[in-house]
Amino acid sequence: MPQLDTSTWFITILSSTITLFVLMQLKISTLNFPQNPSIKSSKPVKKDNPWELKWTKIYSPLLLPQQ
């Protein structure tokens, strides 16, 4: 049974890693990023929800009187 030749594995893995790195750098370099990001307000916006207008109560079965 012949032996598996692993002498070229190192250079193959190294070259494919470098190639992937270069391709990702080229892909990222083509993206446009804003030069001066604008500051957004950190105040929460209050939205009226219909369920906040009504009085609701959830009864827990453990809090009900025992029968």
N, C-alpha and C. Protein backbone atom coordinates (compact mmCIF):
# COMPACT_ATOMS: atom_id res chain seq x y z
N MET A 1 0.85 -1.18 0.00
CA MET A 1 0.00 0.00 0.00
C MET A 1 0.90 1.24 0.00
N PRO A 2 0.67 2.17 -0.96
CA PRO A 2 1.56 3.33 -1.05
C PRO A 2 1.31 4.32 0.09
N GLN A 3 2.35 5.04 0.42
CA GLN A 3 2.26 6.06 1.47
C GLN A 3 1.71 7.36 0.88
N LEU A 4 1.00 8.10 1.72
CA LEU A 4 0.47 9.38 1.29
C LEU A 4 1.58 10.42 1.33
N ASP A 5 1.79 11.08 0.20
CA ASP A 5 2.85 12.09 0.13
C ASP A 5 2.33 13.41 0.70
N THR A 6 2.87 13.81 1.84
CA THR A 6 2.42 15.04 2.51
C THR A 6 3.44 16.15 2.39
N SER A 7 4.40 16.02 1.51
CA SER A 7 5.47 17.02 1.42
C SER A 7 4.96 18.35 0.87
N THR A 8 3.91 18.35 0.11
CA THR A 8 3.43 19.60 -0.49
C THR A 8 2.27 20.22 0.29
N TRP A 9 1.85 19.62 1.37
CA TRP A 9 0.70 20.13 2.11
C TRP A 9 0.96 21.49 2.73
N PHE A 10 2.14 21.70 3.26
CA PHE A 10 2.44 22.96 3.92
C PHE A 10 2.34 24.13 2.95
N ILE A 11 2.98 24.02 1.80
CA ILE A 11 2.95 25.11 0.83
C ILE A 11 1.55 25.30 0.26
N THR A 12 0.79 24.24 0.12
CA THR A 12 -0.57 24.36 -0.39
C THR A 12 -1.46 25.10 0.60
N ILE A 13 -1.39 24.73 1.86
CA ILE A 13 -2.20 25.39 2.89
C ILE A 13 -1.76 26.84 3.06
N LEU A 14 -0.48 27.08 3.07
CA LEU A 14 0.04 28.43 3.23
C LEU A 14 -0.37 29.33 2.05
N SER A 15 -0.24 28.85 0.87
CA SER A 15 -0.59 29.67 -0.30
C SER A 15 -2.10 29.92 -0.38
N SER A 16 -2.92 28.95 -0.02
CA SER A 16 -4.37 29.19 -0.04
C SER A 16 -4.79 30.14 1.07
N THR A 17 -4.12 30.09 2.21
CA THR A 17 -4.42 31.04 3.29
C THR A 17 -4.05 32.46 2.87
N ILE A 18 -2.91 32.62 2.29
CA ILE A 18 -2.49 33.95 1.82
C ILE A 18 -3.43 34.46 0.73
N THR A 19 -3.82 33.59 -0.17
CA THR A 19 -4.74 33.98 -1.24
C THR A 19 -6.08 34.42 -0.68
N LEU A 20 -6.62 33.69 0.28
CA LEU A 20 -7.88 34.07 0.90
C LEU A 20 -7.77 35.41 1.62
N PHE A 21 -6.65 35.61 2.29
CA PHE A 21 -6.44 36.86 2.99
C PHE A 21 -6.40 38.04 2.01
N VAL A 22 -5.69 37.88 0.93
CA VAL A 22 -5.58 38.95 -0.07
C VAL A 22 -6.94 39.21 -0.71
N LEU A 23 -7.67 38.17 -1.02
CA LEU A 23 -9.00 38.36 -1.62
C LEU A 23 -9.95 39.07 -0.67
N MET A 24 -9.91 38.72 0.60
CA MET A 24 -10.77 39.40 1.57
C MET A 24 -10.37 40.86 1.74
N GLN A 25 -9.08 41.16 1.72
CA GLN A 25 -8.63 42.55 1.82
C GLN A 25 -9.07 43.35 0.60
N LEU A 26 -9.01 42.75 -0.54
CA LEU A 26 -9.47 43.44 -1.75
C LEU A 26 -10.98 43.67 -1.71
N LYS A 27 -11.69 42.69 -1.22
CA LYS A 27 -13.15 42.82 -1.13
C LYS A 27 -13.53 43.92 -0.13
N ILE A 28 -12.86 43.97 0.99
CA ILE A 28 -13.16 44.97 2.01
C ILE A 28 -12.74 46.36 1.55
N SER A 29 -11.66 46.44 0.81
CA SER A 29 -11.17 47.75 0.39
C SER A 29 -12.09 48.42 -0.63
N THR A 30 -12.95 47.67 -1.29
CA THR A 30 -13.86 48.27 -2.26
C THR A 30 -15.12 48.82 -1.61
N LEU A 31 -15.34 48.54 -0.33
CA LEU A 31 -16.53 49.04 0.35
C LEU A 31 -16.36 50.51 0.69
N ASN A 32 -17.47 51.22 0.70
CA ASN A 32 -17.44 52.64 1.04
C ASN A 32 -17.94 52.82 2.46
N PHE A 33 -17.14 53.47 3.28
CA PHE A 33 -17.52 53.76 4.65
C PHE A 33 -17.69 55.26 4.80
N PRO A 34 -18.61 55.70 5.65
CA PRO A 34 -18.78 57.14 5.83
C PRO A 34 -17.55 57.77 6.50
N GLN A 35 -17.16 58.91 5.99
CA GLN A 35 -15.97 59.58 6.53
C GLN A 35 -16.24 60.21 7.89
N ASN A 36 -17.38 60.88 8.01
CA ASN A 36 -17.73 61.54 9.27
C ASN A 36 -19.06 60.98 9.76
N PRO A 37 -19.03 59.99 10.59
CA PRO A 37 -20.30 59.43 11.06
C PRO A 37 -21.05 60.46 11.90
N SER A 38 -22.34 60.54 11.68
CA SER A 38 -23.16 61.50 12.42
C SER A 38 -23.54 60.94 13.78
N ILE A 39 -23.66 61.85 14.74
CA ILE A 39 -24.03 61.45 16.09
C ILE A 39 -25.55 61.37 16.16
N LYS A 40 -26.04 60.24 16.63
CA LYS A 40 -27.47 60.04 16.73
C LYS A 40 -27.92 60.28 18.16
N SER A 41 -29.15 60.72 18.27
CA SER A 41 -29.71 60.98 19.58
C SER A 41 -29.89 59.68 20.35
N SER A 42 -29.52 59.72 21.63
CA SER A 42 -29.63 58.51 22.44
C SER A 42 -30.91 58.50 23.28
N LYS A 43 -31.78 59.53 23.09
CA LYS A 43 -33.03 59.56 23.84
C LYS A 43 -34.00 58.53 23.26
N PRO A 44 -34.62 57.74 24.12
CA PRO A 44 -35.57 56.75 23.60
C PRO A 44 -36.83 57.44 23.09
N VAL A 45 -37.36 56.90 22.04
CA VAL A 45 -38.58 57.44 21.45
C VAL A 45 -39.77 56.75 22.09
N LYS A 46 -40.68 57.55 22.64
CA LYS A 46 -41.86 56.99 23.30
C LYS A 46 -42.93 56.73 22.25
N LYS A 47 -43.37 55.48 22.18
CA LYS A 47 -44.42 55.10 21.26
C LYS A 47 -45.62 54.64 22.07
N ASP A 48 -46.77 55.10 21.66
CA ASP A 48 -48.00 54.70 22.35
C ASP A 48 -48.44 53.33 21.86
N ASN A 49 -48.55 52.42 22.80
CA ASN A 49 -49.04 51.09 22.48
C ASN A 49 -50.47 50.96 22.98
N PRO A 50 -51.32 50.27 22.25
CA PRO A 50 -52.72 50.18 22.68
C PRO A 50 -52.89 49.49 24.02
N TRP A 51 -52.01 48.57 24.36
CA TRP A 51 -52.18 47.86 25.62
C TRP A 51 -51.73 48.70 26.81
N GLU A 52 -51.02 49.80 26.57
CA GLU A 52 -50.63 50.67 27.67
C GLU A 52 -51.76 51.59 28.09
N LEU A 53 -52.78 51.76 27.26
CA LEU A 53 -53.90 52.62 27.59
C LEU A 53 -54.89 51.94 28.52
N LYS A 54 -54.88 50.64 28.55
CA LYS A 54 -55.83 49.89 29.36
C LYS A 54 -55.18 49.41 30.64
N TRP A 55 -56.01 49.23 31.66
CA TRP A 55 -55.52 48.66 32.90
C TRP A 55 -55.65 47.15 32.79
N THR A 56 -54.54 46.46 32.92
CA THR A 56 -54.57 45.01 32.83
C THR A 56 -53.86 44.43 34.04
N LYS A 57 -54.30 43.27 34.43
CA LYS A 57 -53.67 42.59 35.54
C LYS A 57 -53.62 41.10 35.21
N ILE A 58 -52.49 40.52 35.51
CA ILE A 58 -52.33 39.09 35.28
C ILE A 58 -52.38 38.42 36.64
N TYR A 59 -53.28 37.48 36.77
CA TYR A 59 -53.43 36.77 38.03
C TYR A 59 -52.58 35.51 38.01
N SER A 60 -51.72 35.43 38.98
CA SER A 60 -50.92 34.23 39.12
C SER A 60 -51.74 33.19 39.88
N PRO A 61 -51.75 31.95 39.43
CA PRO A 61 -52.53 30.92 40.12
C PRO A 61 -52.08 30.72 41.58
N LEU A 62 -50.83 31.02 41.87
CA LEU A 62 -50.35 30.84 43.23
C LEU A 62 -50.85 31.94 44.17
N LEU A 63 -51.24 33.07 43.62
CA LEU A 63 -51.70 34.18 44.45
C LEU A 63 -53.21 34.15 44.70
N LEU A 64 -53.92 33.32 43.97
CA LEU A 64 -55.36 33.23 44.17
C LEU A 64 -55.67 32.52 45.47
N PRO A 65 -56.82 32.83 46.10
CA PRO A 65 -57.16 32.16 47.36
C PRO A 65 -57.35 30.65 47.14
N GLN A 66 -56.96 29.91 48.13
CA GLN A 66 -57.08 28.45 48.06
C GLN A 66 -58.54 28.04 48.21
N GLN A 67 -58.92 27.03 47.48
CA GLN A 67 -60.31 26.57 47.56
C GLN A 67 -60.40 25.27 48.33
